[in-house]
Amino acid sequence: MPPDDAPPGEPIARAGRQPIFDAPVVVIGLVAAMVAIHAAVSLSSAPTQDAIVGQFAFIPGRLTLAIWPGRLADLLARVNTDPEALCSRTAR
């Protein structure tokens, strides 16, 4: 039954339960997946963590060698004569 002060013909808004998180389901799912992955990596052994980082981490050197494969030959040639070549920040 409509309240006495409601205009006739207007739909009545029902007070429903509000969601805990006001975010799309996809966002909540991605956050849950990232928390689960973080927990799994944190609970694994140190060698396993190193293997995961080595396999999946972004390493700029990999990108450089993928874009400019000739840089590897140049770098290896420089390392033979200059042991500090791997530590240099700028390309020569």
Protein backbone atom coordinates (compact mmCIF):
# COMPACT_ATOMS: atom_id res chain seq x y z
CA MET A 1 0.00 0.00 0.00
CA PRO A 2 1.48 3.41 -0.96
CA PRO A 3 2.27 5.92 1.77
CA ASP A 4 -0.24 8.72 2.31
CA ASP A 5 2.11 11.48 1.03
CA ALA A 6 3.05 9.70 -2.25
CA PRO A 7 1.54 11.22 -5.40
CA PRO A 8 -0.89 8.90 -7.15
CA GLY A 9 0.58 6.94 -10.06
CA GLU A 10 4.23 7.36 -8.95
CA PRO A 11 6.27 4.19 -8.42
CA ILE A 12 7.30 3.58 -4.85
CA ALA A 13 11.04 3.25 -4.26
CA ARG A 14 11.79 0.32 -2.06
CA ALA A 15 14.60 0.57 0.43
CA GLY A 16 16.78 -2.33 -0.60
CA ARG A 17 20.15 -3.44 0.58
CA GLN A 18 23.12 -1.58 -0.79
CA PRO A 19 26.15 -3.49 -2.08
CA ILE A 20 29.26 -3.58 0.11
CA PHE A 21 31.47 -2.54 -2.78
CA ASP A 22 30.13 -0.04 -5.27
CA ALA A 23 32.34 -1.30 -8.08
CA PRO A 24 31.81 -3.44 -11.17
CA VAL A 25 32.01 -7.19 -10.65
CA VAL A 26 34.98 -7.40 -13.03
CA VAL A 27 37.01 -4.98 -10.90
CA ILE A 28 36.25 -6.87 -7.70
CA GLY A 29 37.15 -10.14 -9.44
CA LEU A 30 40.49 -8.76 -10.66
CA VAL A 31 41.35 -7.46 -7.20
CA ALA A 32 40.54 -10.86 -5.69
CA ALA A 33 42.70 -12.60 -8.32
CA MET A 34 45.65 -10.26 -7.65
CA VAL A 35 45.37 -10.79 -3.88
CA ALA A 36 45.31 -14.58 -4.42
CA ILE A 37 48.38 -14.43 -6.71
CA HIS A 38 50.24 -12.23 -4.24
CA ALA A 39 49.43 -14.61 -1.39
CA ALA A 40 50.57 -17.63 -3.41
CA VAL A 41 53.87 -15.99 -4.35
CA SER A 42 54.45 -14.71 -0.80
CA LEU A 43 53.90 -18.15 0.69
CA SER A 44 56.20 -19.93 -1.80
CA SER A 45 59.89 -20.63 -1.20
CA ALA A 46 62.64 -18.17 -2.11
CA PRO A 47 63.88 -20.13 -5.17
CA THR A 48 60.32 -20.37 -6.46
CA GLN A 49 59.84 -16.62 -5.98
CA ASP A 50 63.06 -15.97 -7.90
CA ALA A 51 61.89 -18.25 -10.72
CA ILE A 52 58.52 -16.48 -10.89
CA VAL A 53 60.15 -13.04 -11.00
CA GLY A 54 62.66 -14.21 -13.62
CA GLN A 55 59.90 -15.60 -15.79
CA PHE A 56 57.18 -12.96 -15.48
CA ALA A 57 58.79 -9.68 -14.36
CA PHE A 58 59.32 -6.78 -16.76
CA ILE A 59 63.03 -6.59 -17.43
CA PRO A 60 63.97 -3.65 -19.68
CA GLY A 61 67.00 -5.50 -21.04
CA ARG A 62 64.72 -8.10 -22.61
CA LEU A 63 62.78 -5.40 -24.41
CA THR A 64 65.97 -3.71 -25.59
CA LEU A 65 67.31 -6.96 -27.02
CA ALA A 66 63.96 -7.75 -28.64
CA ILE A 67 63.86 -4.37 -30.40
CA TRP A 68 67.59 -4.04 -31.19
CA PRO A 69 69.12 -7.55 -31.37
CA GLY A 70 72.37 -6.07 -32.69
CA ARG A 71 72.92 -4.44 -29.30
CA LEU A 72 73.63 -7.86 -27.77
CA ALA A 73 76.62 -8.45 -30.02
CA ASP A 74 77.88 -4.92 -29.31
CA LEU A 75 77.45 -5.37 -25.57
CA LEU A 76 79.17 -8.75 -25.53
CA ALA A 77 82.09 -7.34 -27.53
CA ARG A 78 82.46 -4.43 -25.08
CA VAL A 79 82.29 -6.74 -22.03
CA ASN A 80 85.31 -8.66 -23.27
CA THR A 81 87.44 -5.50 -23.09
CA ASP A 82 85.64 -3.46 -20.41
CA PRO A 83 84.24 -5.32 -17.37
CA GLU A 84 82.22 -2.21 -16.41
CA ALA A 85 80.28 -2.30 -19.70
CA LEU A 86 77.35 -4.16 -18.11
CA CYS A 87 77.07 -1.48 -15.43
CA SER A 88 76.90 1.44 -17.85
CA ARG A 89 73.58 3.24 -18.13
CA THR A 90 74.05 4.75 -21.55
CA ALA A 91 74.60 2.94 -24.82
CA ARG A 92 77.82 3.69 -26.62
